[in-house]
């Protein structure tokens, strides 16, 4: 069983929000994360795609939600293929 990685993002108001990483990949030099808001992998949760927008010189990654619909579709397809053998069901 894969160990869950938890990341904490801050909202615009500074409130912490926890997400759990299901998968990560690198496309065209950018890192992407598929995260969920549900810690229990058997429970239904919302999934989000995050993109690392930090610069090369930044010490910590800066992730933002991917909002461009074409980018979401393309990255979602890759994550679907990566998780094909995993016990995770992705739905739009």
C-alpha atoms as a PDB file:
ATOM      1  CA  UNK A   1       0.000   0.000   0.000  1.00  0.00           C
ATOM      2  CA  UNK A   2       1.367   3.402  -1.018  1.00  0.00           C
ATOM      3  CA  UNK A   3       1.988   5.850   1.809  1.00  0.00           C
ATOM      4  CA  UNK A   4      -0.226   8.920   1.486  1.00  0.00           C
ATOM      5  CA  UNK A   5       1.493  12.254   1.089  1.00  0.00           C
ATOM      6  CA  UNK A   6      -0.330  15.185   2.632  1.00  0.00           C
ATOM      7  CA  UNK A   7       0.257  18.722   1.492  1.00  0.00           C
ATOM      8  CA  UNK A   8      -1.140  21.854   3.056  1.00  0.00           C
ATOM      9  CA  UNK A   9      -2.038  24.855   0.936  1.00  0.00           C
ATOM     10  CA  UNK A  10      -3.098  28.259   2.163  1.00  0.00           C
ATOM     11  CA  UNK A  11      -6.198  30.017   0.936  1.00  0.00           C
ATOM     12  CA  UNK A  12      -6.106  33.683  -0.030  1.00  0.00           C
ATOM     13  CA  UNK A  13      -7.162  34.472   3.538  1.00  0.00           C
ATOM     14  CA  UNK A  14      -4.291  32.405   4.968  1.00  0.00           C
ATOM     15  CA  UNK A  15      -6.355  29.436   6.138  1.00  0.00           C
ATOM     16  CA  UNK A  16      -4.640  26.040   5.786  1.00  0.00           C
ATOM     17  CA  UNK A  17      -6.330  23.382   3.636  1.00  0.00           C
ATOM     18  CA  UNK A  18      -5.060  19.782   3.539  1.00  0.00           C
ATOM     19  CA  UNK A  19      -4.939  17.680   0.370  1.00  0.00           C
ATOM     20  CA  UNK A  20      -3.717  14.132  -0.162  1.00  0.00           C
ATOM     21  CA  UNK A  21      -1.549  13.330  -3.192  1.00  0.00           C
ATOM     22  CA  UNK A  22      -2.812  10.458  -5.336  1.00  0.00           C
ATOM     23  CA  UNK A  23      -0.243  10.768  -8.127  1.00  0.00           C
ATOM     24  CA  UNK A  24       2.323  13.133  -9.568  1.00  0.00           C
ATOM     25  CA  UNK A  25       3.843  13.573 -12.997  1.00  0.00           C
ATOM     26  CA  UNK A  26       6.040  15.935 -14.997  1.00  0.00           C
ATOM     27  CA  UNK A  27       4.847  17.258 -18.355  1.00  0.00           C
ATOM     28  CA  UNK A  28       6.749  19.733 -20.526  1.00  0.00           C
ATOM     29  CA  UNK A  29       9.013  20.659 -17.631  1.00  0.00           C
ATOM     30  CA  UNK A  30       6.162  21.325 -15.176  1.00  0.00           C
ATOM     31  CA  UNK A  31       5.236  19.207 -12.152  1.00  0.00           C
ATOM     32  CA  UNK A  32       1.585  18.286 -11.665  1.00  0.00           C
ATOM     33  CA  UNK A  33      -0.166  16.707  -8.688  1.00  0.00           C
ATOM     34  CA  UNK A  34      -3.466  14.877  -8.602  1.00  0.00           C
ATOM     35  CA  UNK A  35      -4.827  15.509  -5.124  1.00  0.00           C
ATOM     36  CA  UNK A  36      -7.978  14.738  -3.197  1.00  0.00           C
ATOM     37  CA  UNK A  37      -9.625  16.319  -0.198  1.00  0.00           C
ATOM     38  CA  UNK A  38     -10.410  12.889   1.304  1.00  0.00           C
ATOM     39  CA  UNK A  39      -7.768  11.047   3.348  1.00  0.00           C
ATOM     40  CA  UNK A  40      -9.541   7.669   3.194  1.00  0.00           C
ATOM     41  CA  UNK A  41      -8.860   6.247  -0.280  1.00  0.00           C
ATOM     42  CA  UNK A  42     -12.061   4.171  -0.109  1.00  0.00           C
ATOM     43  CA  UNK A  43     -14.230   7.258   0.448  1.00  0.00           C
ATOM     44  CA  UNK A  44     -15.522   9.470  -2.337  1.00  0.00           C
ATOM     45  CA  UNK A  45     -13.653  12.733  -2.484  1.00  0.00           C
ATOM     46  CA  UNK A  46     -13.141  15.600  -4.861  1.00  0.00           C
ATOM     47  CA  UNK A  47     -10.004  15.485  -7.023  1.00  0.00           C
ATOM     48  CA  UNK A  48      -8.033  18.484  -8.171  1.00  0.00           C
ATOM     49  CA  UNK A  49      -5.066  18.970 -10.470  1.00  0.00           C
ATOM     50  CA  UNK A  50      -2.364  21.280  -9.179  1.00  0.00           C
ATOM     51  CA  UNK A  51       0.566  22.697 -11.144  1.00  0.00           C
ATOM     52  CA  UNK A  52       3.892  23.785  -9.672  1.00  0.00           C
ATOM     53  CA  UNK A  53       4.303  27.412 -10.688  1.00  0.00           C
ATOM     54  CA  UNK A  54       7.417  28.142  -8.647  1.00  0.00           C
ATOM     55  CA  UNK A  55      10.568  29.381 -10.265  1.00  0.00           C
ATOM     56  CA  UNK A  56      13.808  27.416 -10.475  1.00  0.00           C
ATOM     57  CA  UNK A  57      15.385  29.441  -7.669  1.00  0.00           C
ATOM     58  CA  UNK A  58      12.531  29.085  -5.184  1.00  0.00           C
ATOM     59  CA  UNK A  59      13.182  26.686  -2.312  1.00  0.00           C
ATOM     60  CA  UNK A  60       9.570  25.581  -1.901  1.00  0.00           C
ATOM     61  CA  UNK A  61       7.092  24.527  -4.561  1.00  0.00           C
ATOM     62  CA  UNK A  62       4.184  26.853  -5.251  1.00  0.00           C
ATOM     63  CA  UNK A  63       1.107  24.984  -6.440  1.00  0.00           C
ATOM     64  CA  UNK A  64      -1.955  26.461  -8.090  1.00  0.00           C
ATOM     65  CA  UNK A  65      -5.171  24.823  -9.236  1.00  0.00           C
ATOM     66  CA  UNK A  66      -5.209  24.160 -12.982  1.00  0.00           C
ATOM     67  CA  UNK A  67      -8.191  26.068 -14.362  1.00  0.00           C
ATOM     68  CA  UNK A  68      -7.580  25.984 -18.123  1.00  0.00           C
ATOM     69  CA  UNK A  69     -10.050  23.386 -19.411  1.00  0.00           C
ATOM     70  CA  UNK A  70      -7.758  22.069 -22.182  1.00  0.00           C
ATOM     71  CA  UNK A  71      -4.869  21.678 -19.754  1.00  0.00           C
ATOM     72  CA  UNK A  72      -7.147  19.932 -17.231  1.00  0.00           C
ATOM     73  CA  UNK A  73      -8.358  17.489 -19.910  1.00  0.00           C
ATOM     74  CA  UNK A  74      -4.839  16.655 -21.108  1.00  0.00           C
ATOM     75  CA  UNK A  75      -3.355  16.184 -17.637  1.00  0.00           C
ATOM     76  CA  UNK A  76      -6.430  14.285 -16.410  1.00  0.00           C
ATOM     77  CA  UNK A  77      -5.985  11.789 -19.259  1.00  0.00           C
ATOM     78  CA  UNK A  78      -2.363  11.188 -18.246  1.00  0.00           C
ATOM     79  CA  UNK A  79      -3.316  10.691 -14.592  1.00  0.00           C
ATOM     80  CA  UNK A  80      -6.056   8.269 -15.670  1.00  0.00           C
ATOM     81  CA  UNK A  81      -3.451   6.195 -17.517  1.00  0.00           C
ATOM     82  CA  UNK A  82      -1.012   6.343 -14.604  1.00  0.00           C
ATOM     83  CA  UNK A  83      -3.679   5.141 -12.161  1.00  0.00           C
ATOM     84  CA  UNK A  84      -5.069   2.467 -14.482  1.00  0.00           C
ATOM     85  CA  UNK A  85      -3.704  -0.375 -12.327  1.00  0.00           C
ATOM     86  CA  UNK A  86      -4.330   1.347  -8.983  1.00  0.00           C
ATOM     87  CA  UNK A  87      -7.397   0.899  -6.819  1.00  0.00           C
ATOM     88  CA  UNK A  88      -8.590   4.419  -7.653  1.00  0.00           C
ATOM     89  CA  UNK A  89     -11.575   5.283  -9.805  1.00  0.00           C
ATOM     90  CA  UNK A  90     -11.493   8.704 -11.428  1.00  0.00           C
ATOM     91  CA  UNK A  91     -14.676  10.318 -12.701  1.00  0.00           C
ATOM     92  CA  UNK A  92     -15.283  13.730 -14.190  1.00  0.00           C
END
